[in-house]
PDB file of N, CA and C in Angstrom:
ATOM      1  N   UNK A   1     -19.233   1.328  -4.778  1.00  0.00           N
ATOM      2  CA  UNK A   1     -19.102   2.335  -5.766  1.00  0.00           C
ATOM      3  C   UNK A   1     -17.568   2.222  -6.171  1.00  0.00           C
ATOM      4  N   UNK A   2     -17.378   2.396  -7.477  1.00  0.00           N
ATOM      5  CA  UNK A   2     -15.918   2.241  -8.158  1.00  0.00           C
ATOM      6  C   UNK A   2     -15.821   3.332  -9.015  1.00  0.00           C
ATOM      7  N   UNK A   3     -14.460   3.388  -9.588  1.00  0.00           N
ATOM      8  CA  UNK A   3     -14.090   4.449 -10.653  1.00  0.00           C
ATOM      9  C   UNK A   3     -15.126   4.278 -11.755  1.00  0.00           C
ATOM     10  N   UNK A   4     -15.450   3.023 -12.098  1.00  0.00           N
ATOM     11  CA  UNK A   4     -16.488   2.789 -13.356  1.00  0.00           C
ATOM     12  C   UNK A   4     -17.554   3.556 -13.264  1.00  0.00           C
ATOM     13  N   UNK A   5     -18.180   3.882 -11.909  1.00  0.00           N
ATOM     14  CA  UNK A   5     -19.381   4.586 -11.718  1.00  0.00           C
ATOM     15  C   UNK A   5     -19.208   6.057 -12.083  1.00  0.00           C
ATOM     16  N   UNK A   6     -17.927   6.495 -12.372  1.00  0.00           N
ATOM     17  CA  UNK A   6     -17.630   7.884 -12.588  1.00  0.00           C
ATOM     18  C   UNK A   6     -16.862   8.081 -13.963  1.00  0.00           C
ATOM     19  N   UNK A   7     -17.342   7.590 -15.066  1.00  0.00           N
ATOM     20  CA  UNK A   7     -16.588   7.497 -16.364  1.00  0.00           C
ATOM     21  C   UNK A   7     -15.896   9.021 -16.613  1.00  0.00           C
ATOM     22  N   UNK A   8     -16.484  10.090 -16.149  1.00  0.00           N
ATOM     23  CA  UNK A   8     -15.990  11.376 -16.463  1.00  0.00           C
ATOM     24  C   UNK A   8     -14.707  11.536 -15.744  1.00  0.00           C
ATOM     25  N   UNK A   9     -14.559  10.913 -14.666  1.00  0.00           N
ATOM     26  CA  UNK A   9     -13.190  10.966 -13.953  1.00  0.00           C
ATOM     27  C   UNK A   9     -12.226  10.363 -14.593  1.00  0.00           C
ATOM     28  N   UNK A  10     -12.315   9.152 -15.283  1.00  0.00           N
ATOM     29  CA  UNK A  10     -11.424   8.414 -16.010  1.00  0.00           C
ATOM     30  C   UNK A  10     -10.803   9.220 -17.115  1.00  0.00           C
ATOM     31  N   UNK A  11     -11.533  10.229 -17.656  1.00  0.00           N
ATOM     32  CA  UNK A  11     -11.143  11.167 -18.783  1.00  0.00           C
ATOM     33  C   UNK A  11     -10.155  12.149 -18.340  1.00  0.00           C
ATOM     34  N   UNK A  12     -10.046  12.654 -17.110  1.00  0.00           N
ATOM     35  CA  UNK A  12      -9.283  13.572 -16.655  1.00  0.00           C
ATOM     36  C   UNK A  12      -7.791  13.130 -16.655  1.00  0.00           C
ATOM     37  N   UNK A  13      -6.926  14.209 -16.852  1.00  0.00           N
ATOM     38  CA  UNK A  13      -5.555  13.906 -16.667  1.00  0.00           C
ATOM     39  C   UNK A  13      -5.104  13.342 -15.414  1.00  0.00           C
ATOM     40  N   UNK A  14      -4.226  12.586 -15.440  1.00  0.00           N
ATOM     41  CA  UNK A  14      -3.655  12.060 -14.164  1.00  0.00           C
ATOM     42  C   UNK A  14      -3.567  12.872 -13.030  1.00  0.00           C
ATOM     43  N   UNK A  15      -2.875  14.142 -13.318  1.00  0.00           N
ATOM     44  CA  UNK A  15      -2.540  15.158 -12.294  1.00  0.00           C
ATOM     45  C   UNK A  15      -3.973  15.582 -11.711  1.00  0.00           C
ATOM     46  N   UNK A  16      -4.927  15.835 -12.482  1.00  0.00           N
ATOM     47  CA  UNK A  16      -6.259  16.177 -11.808  1.00  0.00           C
ATOM     48  C   UNK A  16      -6.807  14.930 -11.014  1.00  0.00           C
ATOM     49  N   UNK A  17      -6.715  13.808 -11.408  1.00  0.00           N
ATOM     50  CA  UNK A  17      -7.192  12.594 -10.656  1.00  0.00           C
ATOM     51  C   UNK A  17      -6.620  12.622  -9.483  1.00  0.00           C
ATOM     52  N   UNK A  18      -5.301  12.769  -9.447  1.00  0.00           N
ATOM     53  CA  UNK A  18      -4.480  12.671  -8.174  1.00  0.00           C
ATOM     54  C   UNK A  18      -4.977  13.732  -7.041  1.00  0.00           C
ATOM     55  N   UNK A  19      -5.142  14.941  -7.559  1.00  0.00           N
ATOM     56  CA  UNK A  19      -5.576  16.126  -6.938  1.00  0.00           C
ATOM     57  C   UNK A  19      -6.940  15.659  -6.340  1.00  0.00           C
ATOM     58  N   UNK A  20      -7.775  15.118  -7.022  1.00  0.00           N
ATOM     59  CA  UNK A  20      -9.127  14.749  -6.470  1.00  0.00           C
ATOM     60  C   UNK A  20      -9.016  13.640  -5.295  1.00  0.00           C
ATOM     61  N   UNK A  21      -8.094  12.831  -5.775  1.00  0.00           N
ATOM     62  CA  UNK A  21      -7.830  11.742  -4.656  1.00  0.00           C
ATOM     63  C   UNK A  21      -7.284  12.215  -3.437  1.00  0.00           C
ATOM     64  N   UNK A  22      -6.567  13.181  -3.672  1.00  0.00           N
ATOM     65  CA  UNK A  22      -5.950  13.880  -2.309  1.00  0.00           C
ATOM     66  C   UNK A  22      -7.122  14.544  -1.660  1.00  0.00           C
ATOM     67  N   UNK A  23      -7.995  15.327  -2.259  1.00  0.00           N
ATOM     68  CA  UNK A  23      -9.038  16.056  -1.518  1.00  0.00           C
ATOM     69  C   UNK A  23     -10.116  15.089  -0.915  1.00  0.00           C
ATOM     70  N   UNK A  24     -10.216  13.894  -1.678  1.00  0.00           N
ATOM     71  CA  UNK A  24     -11.174  12.860  -0.961  1.00  0.00           C
ATOM     72  C   UNK A  24     -10.455  12.255   0.242  1.00  0.00           C
ATOM     73  N   UNK A  25      -9.186  11.987   0.148  1.00  0.00           N
ATOM     74  CA  UNK A  25      -8.418  11.428   1.268  1.00  0.00           C
ATOM     75  C   UNK A  25      -8.462  12.401   2.484  1.00  0.00           C
ATOM     76  N   UNK A  26      -8.209  13.594   2.250  1.00  0.00           N
ATOM     77  CA  UNK A  26      -8.178  14.711   3.356  1.00  0.00           C
ATOM     78  C   UNK A  26      -9.504  14.713   3.794  1.00  0.00           C
ATOM     79  N   UNK A  27     -10.799  14.619   3.119  1.00  0.00           N
ATOM     80  CA  UNK A  27     -12.096  14.742   3.707  1.00  0.00           C
ATOM     81  C   UNK A  27     -12.228  13.418   4.474  1.00  0.00           C
ATOM     82  N   UNK A  28     -11.717  12.431   4.048  1.00  0.00           N
ATOM     83  CA  UNK A  28     -12.168  11.063   4.841  1.00  0.00           C
ATOM     84  C   UNK A  28     -11.192  11.230   6.224  1.00  0.00           C
ATOM     85  N   UNK A  29      -9.980  11.696   6.112  1.00  0.00           N
ATOM     86  CA  UNK A  29      -9.029  11.809   7.249  1.00  0.00           C
ATOM     87  C   UNK A  29      -9.536  12.606   8.319  1.00  0.00           C
ATOM     88  N   UNK A  30     -10.335  13.859   7.835  1.00  0.00           N
ATOM     89  CA  UNK A  30     -10.888  14.578   8.838  1.00  0.00           C
ATOM     90  C   UNK A  30     -11.974  14.127   9.482  1.00  0.00           C
ATOM     91  N   UNK A  31     -12.725  13.177   8.961  1.00  0.00           N
ATOM     92  CA  UNK A  31     -13.860  12.518   9.854  1.00  0.00           C
ATOM     93  C   UNK A  31     -13.351  11.779  11.001  1.00  0.00           C
ATOM     94  N   UNK A  32     -14.082  11.722  11.991  1.00  0.00           N
ATOM     95  CA  UNK A  32     -13.551  11.009  13.165  1.00  0.00           C
ATOM     96  C   UNK A  32     -13.903   9.687  13.118  1.00  0.00           C
ATOM     97  N   UNK A  33     -12.884   8.837  13.002  1.00  0.00           N
ATOM     98  CA  UNK A  33     -13.207   7.326  12.939  1.00  0.00           C
ATOM     99  C   UNK A  33     -12.904   6.638  14.305  1.00  0.00           C
ATOM    100  N   UNK A  34     -13.718   5.739  14.808  1.00  0.00           N
ATOM    101  CA  UNK A  34     -13.465   5.091  16.154  1.00  0.00           C
ATOM    102  C   UNK A  34     -12.312   4.067  15.816  1.00  0.00           C
ATOM    103  N   UNK A  35     -11.588   3.878  16.874  1.00  0.00           N
ATOM    104  CA  UNK A  35     -10.538   2.876  16.836  1.00  0.00           C
ATOM    105  C   UNK A  35     -10.843   1.903  17.897  1.00  0.00           C
ATOM    106  N   UNK A  36     -10.940   0.561  17.393  1.00  0.00           N
ATOM    107  CA  UNK A  36     -11.353  -0.486  18.354  1.00  0.00           C
ATOM    108  C   UNK A  36     -10.286  -0.528  19.513  1.00  0.00           C
ATOM    109  N   UNK A  37     -10.815  -1.194  20.713  1.00  0.00           N
ATOM    110  CA  UNK A  37      -9.964  -1.422  21.762  1.00  0.00           C
ATOM    111  C   UNK A  37      -8.800  -2.347  21.496  1.00  0.00           C
ATOM    112  N   UNK A  38      -9.229  -3.278  20.717  1.00  0.00           N
ATOM    113  CA  UNK A  38      -8.329  -4.267  20.245  1.00  0.00           C
ATOM    114  C   UNK A  38      -7.194  -3.580  19.391  1.00  0.00           C
ATOM    115  N   UNK A  39      -7.340  -2.728  18.491  1.00  0.00           N
ATOM    116  CA  UNK A  39      -6.412  -2.138  17.748  1.00  0.00           C
ATOM    117  C   UNK A  39      -5.463  -1.224  18.656  1.00  0.00           C
ATOM    118  N   UNK A  40      -6.208  -0.595  19.639  1.00  0.00           N
ATOM    119  CA  UNK A  40      -5.342   0.358  20.468  1.00  0.00           C
ATOM    120  C   UNK A  40      -4.275  -0.569  21.218  1.00  0.00           C
ATOM    121  N   UNK A  41      -4.901  -1.718  21.708  1.00  0.00           N
ATOM    122  CA  UNK A  41      -3.886  -2.541  22.541  1.00  0.00           C
ATOM    123  C   UNK A  41      -2.768  -3.032  21.585  1.00  0.00           C
ATOM    124  N   UNK A  42      -3.112  -3.343  20.430  1.00  0.00           N
ATOM    125  CA  UNK A  42      -1.885  -3.700  19.452  1.00  0.00           C
ATOM    126  C   UNK A  42      -0.894  -2.759  19.306  1.00  0.00           C
ATOM    127  N   UNK A  43      -1.400  -1.560  19.043  1.00  0.00           N
ATOM    128  CA  UNK A  43      -0.505  -0.287  18.752  1.00  0.00           C
ATOM    129  C   UNK A  43       0.314  -0.028  20.039  1.00  0.00           C
ATOM    130  N   UNK A  44      -0.359  -0.031  21.198  1.00  0.00           N
ATOM    131  CA  UNK A  44       0.234   0.285  22.414  1.00  0.00           C
ATOM    132  C   UNK A  44       1.514  -0.654  22.713  1.00  0.00           C
ATOM    133  N   UNK A  45       1.096  -1.906  22.441  1.00  0.00           N
ATOM    134  CA  UNK A  45       2.045  -3.010  22.706  1.00  0.00           C
ATOM    135  C   UNK A  45       3.185  -2.908  21.636  1.00  0.00           C
ATOM    136  N   UNK A  46       3.061  -2.641  20.566  1.00  0.00           N
ATOM    137  CA  UNK A  46       4.152  -2.421  19.516  1.00  0.00           C
ATOM    138  C   UNK A  46       4.930  -1.185  19.969  1.00  0.00           C
ATOM    139  N   UNK A  47       4.279  -0.017  20.410  1.00  0.00           N
ATOM    140  CA  UNK A  47       5.021   1.083  20.774  1.00  0.00           C
ATOM    141  C   UNK A  47       6.000   0.801  22.015  1.00  0.00           C
ATOM    142  N   UNK A  48       5.301   0.042  22.884  1.00  0.00           N
ATOM    143  CA  UNK A  48       5.990  -0.373  24.210  1.00  0.00           C
ATOM    144  C   UNK A  48       7.478  -1.070  23.686  1.00  0.00           C
ATOM    145  N   UNK A  49       7.154  -2.082  22.821  1.00  0.00           N
ATOM    146  CA  UNK A  49       8.284  -2.960  22.365  1.00  0.00           C
ATOM    147  C   UNK A  49       9.327  -2.201  21.684  1.00  0.00           C
ATOM    148  N   UNK A  50       8.968  -1.295  20.736  1.00  0.00           N
ATOM    149  CA  UNK A  50       9.824  -0.377  20.085  1.00  0.00           C
ATOM    150  C   UNK A  50      10.558   0.437  20.958  1.00  0.00           C
ATOM    151  N   UNK A  51       9.856   1.104  21.994  1.00  0.00           N
ATOM    152  CA  UNK A  51      10.642   1.811  23.088  1.00  0.00           C
ATOM    153  C   UNK A  51      11.580   1.063  23.929  1.00  0.00           C
ATOM    154  N   UNK A  52      11.272  -0.185  23.996  1.00  0.00           N
ATOM    155  CA  UNK A  52      12.226  -0.971  24.825  1.00  0.00           C
ATOM    156  C   UNK A  52      13.434  -1.627  23.885  1.00  0.00           C
ATOM    157  N   UNK A  53      13.463  -1.469  22.655  1.00  0.00           N
ATOM    158  CA  UNK A  53      14.361  -1.822  21.769  1.00  0.00           C
ATOM    159  C   UNK A  53      14.173  -3.326  21.473  1.00  0.00           C
ATOM    160  N   UNK A  54      12.948  -3.716  21.506  1.00  0.00           N
ATOM    161  CA  UNK A  54      12.690  -5.276  21.127  1.00  0.00           C
ATOM    162  C   UNK A  54      12.218  -5.469  19.689  1.00  0.00           C
ATOM    163  N   UNK A  55      12.259  -4.238  18.939  1.00  0.00           N
ATOM    164  CA  UNK A  55      11.670  -4.289  17.661  1.00  0.00           C
ATOM    165  C   UNK A  55      12.931  -3.894  16.737  1.00  0.00           C
ATOM    166  N   UNK A  56      13.201  -4.765  15.701  1.00  0.00           N
ATOM    167  CA  UNK A  56      14.283  -4.319  14.825  1.00  0.00           C
ATOM    168  C   UNK A  56      13.714  -3.181  13.860  1.00  0.00           C
ATOM    169  N   UNK A  57      14.575  -2.217  13.592  1.00  0.00           N
ATOM    170  CA  UNK A  57      14.069  -1.074  12.799  1.00  0.00           C
ATOM    171  C   UNK A  57      15.115  -1.037  11.519  1.00  0.00           C
ATOM    172  N   UNK A  58      14.639  -0.322  10.499  1.00  0.00           N
ATOM    173  CA  UNK A  58      15.232  -0.012   9.224  1.00  0.00           C
ATOM    174  C   UNK A  58      15.644   1.392   9.113  1.00  0.00           C
ATOM    175  N   UNK A  59      16.659   1.679   8.353  1.00  0.00           N
ATOM    176  CA  UNK A  59      17.052   3.032   7.983  1.00  0.00           C
ATOM    177  C   UNK A  59      16.200   3.244   6.691  1.00  0.00           C
ATOM    178  N   UNK A  60      15.967   4.388   6.150  1.00  0.00           N
ATOM    179  CA  UNK A  60      15.310   4.506   4.943  1.00  0.00           C
ATOM    180  C   UNK A  60      16.148   3.837   3.826  1.00  0.00           C
ATOM    181  N   UNK A  61      17.352   4.000   3.877  1.00  0.00           N
ATOM    182  CA  UNK A  61      18.056   3.388   2.792  1.00  0.00           C
ATOM    183  C   UNK A  61      17.906   1.783   2.859  1.00  0.00           C
ATOM    184  N   UNK A  62      17.809   1.216   4.019  1.00  0.00           N
ATOM    185  CA  UNK A  62      17.539  -0.268   3.912  1.00  0.00           C
ATOM    186  C   UNK A  62      15.920  -0.532   3.582  1.00  0.00           C
ATOM    187  N   UNK A  63      15.118   0.276   3.895  1.00  0.00           N
ATOM    188  CA  UNK A  63      13.871   0.074   3.525  1.00  0.00           C
ATOM    189  C   UNK A  63      13.634   0.244   2.091  1.00  0.00           C
ATOM    190  N   UNK A  64      14.293   1.216   1.346  1.00  0.00           N
ATOM    191  CA  UNK A  64      14.117   1.376  -0.108  1.00  0.00           C
ATOM    192  C   UNK A  64      14.895   0.015  -0.765  1.00  0.00           C
ATOM    193  N   UNK A  65      15.929  -0.298  -0.258  1.00  0.00           N
ATOM    194  CA  UNK A  65      16.644  -1.634  -0.804  1.00  0.00           C
ATOM    195  C   UNK A  65      15.731  -2.681  -0.740  1.00  0.00           C
ATOM    196  N   UNK A  66      14.962  -2.923   0.402  1.00  0.00           N
ATOM    197  CA  UNK A  66      14.144  -4.042   0.641  1.00  0.00           C
ATOM    198  C   UNK A  66      12.995  -3.993  -0.221  1.00  0.00           C
ATOM    199  N   UNK A  67      12.433  -2.745  -0.546  1.00  0.00           N
ATOM    200  CA  UNK A  67      11.387  -2.410  -1.514  1.00  0.00           C
ATOM    201  C   UNK A  67      11.704  -3.102  -2.867  1.00  0.00           C
ATOM    202  N   UNK A  68      12.914  -2.338  -3.293  1.00  0.00           N
ATOM    203  CA  UNK A  68      13.444  -2.813  -4.761  1.00  0.00           C
ATOM    204  C   UNK A  68      13.700  -4.227  -4.828  1.00  0.00           C
ATOM    205  N   UNK A  69      14.228  -4.908  -3.792  1.00  0.00           N
ATOM    206  CA  UNK A  69      14.470  -6.278  -3.815  1.00  0.00           C
ATOM    207  C   UNK A  69      13.223  -7.223  -4.114  1.00  0.00           C
ATOM    208  N   UNK A  70      12.042  -6.674  -3.464  1.00  0.00           N
ATOM    209  CA  UNK A  70      10.809  -7.284  -3.475  1.00  0.00           C
ATOM    210  C   UNK A  70      10.131  -7.080  -4.910  1.00  0.00           C
ATOM    211  N   UNK A  71      10.222  -5.878  -5.388  1.00  0.00           N
ATOM    212  CA  UNK A  71       9.821  -5.587  -6.629  1.00  0.00           C
ATOM    213  C   UNK A  71      10.380  -6.505  -7.683  1.00  0.00           C
ATOM    214  N   UNK A  72      11.826  -6.494  -7.578  1.00  0.00           N
ATOM    215  CA  UNK A  72      12.488  -7.386  -8.487  1.00  0.00           C
ATOM    216  C   UNK A  72      11.915  -8.867  -8.493  1.00  0.00           C
ATOM    217  N   UNK A  73      11.887  -9.317  -7.180  1.00  0.00           N
ATOM    218  CA  UNK A  73      11.386 -10.641  -6.982  1.00  0.00           C
ATOM    219  C   UNK A  73       9.948 -10.908  -7.575  1.00  0.00           C
ATOM    220  N   UNK A  74       9.101  -9.937  -7.268  1.00  0.00           N
ATOM    221  CA  UNK A  74       7.782 -10.107  -7.795  1.00  0.00           C
ATOM    222  C   UNK A  74       7.620 -10.055  -9.375  1.00  0.00           C
ATOM    223  N   UNK A  75       8.573  -9.129  -9.920  1.00  0.00           N
ATOM    224  CA  UNK A  75       8.637  -9.085 -11.469  1.00  0.00           C
ATOM    225  C   UNK A  75       9.049 -10.411 -12.017  1.00  0.00           C
ATOM    226  N   UNK A  76      10.162 -11.004 -11.355  1.00  0.00           N
ATOM    227  CA  UNK A  76      10.674 -12.299 -11.972  1.00  0.00           C
ATOM    228  C   UNK A  76       9.475 -13.347 -11.748  1.00  0.00           C
ATOM    229  N   UNK A  77       8.799 -13.428 -10.574  1.00  0.00           N
ATOM    230  CA  UNK A  77       7.783 -14.112 -10.427  1.00  0.00           C
ATOM    231  C   UNK A  77       6.660 -14.170 -11.493  1.00  0.00           C
ATOM    232  N   UNK A  78       6.385 -12.834 -11.777  1.00  0.00           N
ATOM    233  CA  UNK A  78       5.294 -12.605 -12.861  1.00  0.00           C
ATOM    234  C   UNK A  78       5.651 -13.221 -14.134  1.00  0.00           C
ATOM    235  N   UNK A  79       7.081 -12.874 -14.549  1.00  0.00           N
ATOM    236  CA  UNK A  79       7.468 -13.345 -15.771  1.00  0.00           C
ATOM    237  C   UNK A  79       7.493 -14.842 -15.850  1.00  0.00           C
ATOM    238  N   UNK A  80       7.913 -15.523 -14.689  1.00  0.00           N
ATOM    239  CA  UNK A  80       7.805 -16.892 -14.820  1.00  0.00           C
ATOM    240  C   UNK A  80       6.418 -17.484 -14.798  1.00  0.00           C
ATOM    241  N   UNK A  81       5.467 -16.747 -14.073  1.00  0.00           N
ATOM    242  CA  UNK A  81       4.246 -17.257 -14.197  1.00  0.00           C
ATOM    243  C   UNK A  81       3.607 -17.070 -15.540  1.00  0.00           C
ATOM    244  N   UNK A  82       3.998 -16.029 -16.297  1.00  0.00           N
ATOM    245  CA  UNK A  82       3.486 -15.788 -17.635  1.00  0.00           C
ATOM    246  C   UNK A  82       4.101 -16.728 -18.540  1.00  0.00           C
ATOM    247  N   UNK A  83       5.272 -17.216 -18.384  1.00  0.00           N
ATOM    248  CA  UNK A  83       5.886 -18.250 -19.232  1.00  0.00           C
ATOM    249  C   UNK A  83       5.416 -19.550 -18.974  1.00  0.00           C
ATOM    250  N   UNK A  84       5.037 -19.940 -17.795  1.00  0.00           N
ATOM    251  CA  UNK A  84       4.525 -21.087 -17.342  1.00  0.00           C
ATOM    252  C   UNK A  84       3.050 -21.203 -17.951  1.00  0.00           C
ATOM    253  N   UNK A  85       2.395 -20.266 -17.766  1.00  0.00           N
ATOM    254  CA  UNK A  85       0.880 -20.278 -18.568  1.00  0.00           C
ATOM    255  C   UNK A  85       0.932 -20.445 -19.905  1.00  0.00           C
ATOM    256  N   UNK A  86       1.752 -19.727 -20.572  1.00  0.00           N
ATOM    257  CA  UNK A  86       2.126 -20.030 -22.050  1.00  0.00           C
ATOM    258  C   UNK A  86       2.445 -21.385 -22.485  1.00  0.00           C
ATOM    259  N   UNK A  87       3.494 -21.916 -21.691  1.00  0.00           N
ATOM    260  CA  UNK A  87       3.887 -23.284 -21.915  1.00  0.00           C
ATOM    261  C   UNK A  87       2.708 -24.300 -21.766  1.00  0.00           C
ATOM    262  N   UNK A  88       2.041 -24.062 -20.674  1.00  0.00           N
ATOM    263  CA  UNK A  88       0.774 -24.953 -20.256  1.00  0.00           C
ATOM    264  C   UNK A  88      -0.193 -24.910 -21.518  1.00  0.00           C
ATOM    265  N   UNK A  89      -0.276 -23.937 -22.065  1.00  0.00           N
ATOM    266  CA  UNK A  89      -1.501 -23.690 -22.981  1.00  0.00           C
ATOM    267  C   UNK A  89      -1.095 -24.275 -24.312  1.00  0.00           C
ATOM    268  N   UNK A  90       0.228 -24.635 -24.531  1.00  0.00           N
ATOM    269  CA  UNK A  90       0.666 -25.167 -25.763  1.00  0.00           C
ATOM    270  C   UNK A  90       0.374 -26.565 -25.966  1.00  0.00           C
TER     271      UNK A  90
END
């Protein structure tokens, strides 16, 4: 099932679509989903490593800076790829 299956939703203003998405997310989050033993082990292992200071952490500022840097790099790559495709088609 995709958004294409609900054309009337596409016509809603973004604000209303976001509200519906929030309600859908909340309804799914309230369902009890089983977590596999493997995933529990991974989470517990990572928590233990964090608590023992074995995992590097970032401040919120560092995280935002990293995200901006990645976005710029992705944007440059996208521009380069577009240019390369155009050149190859000539």
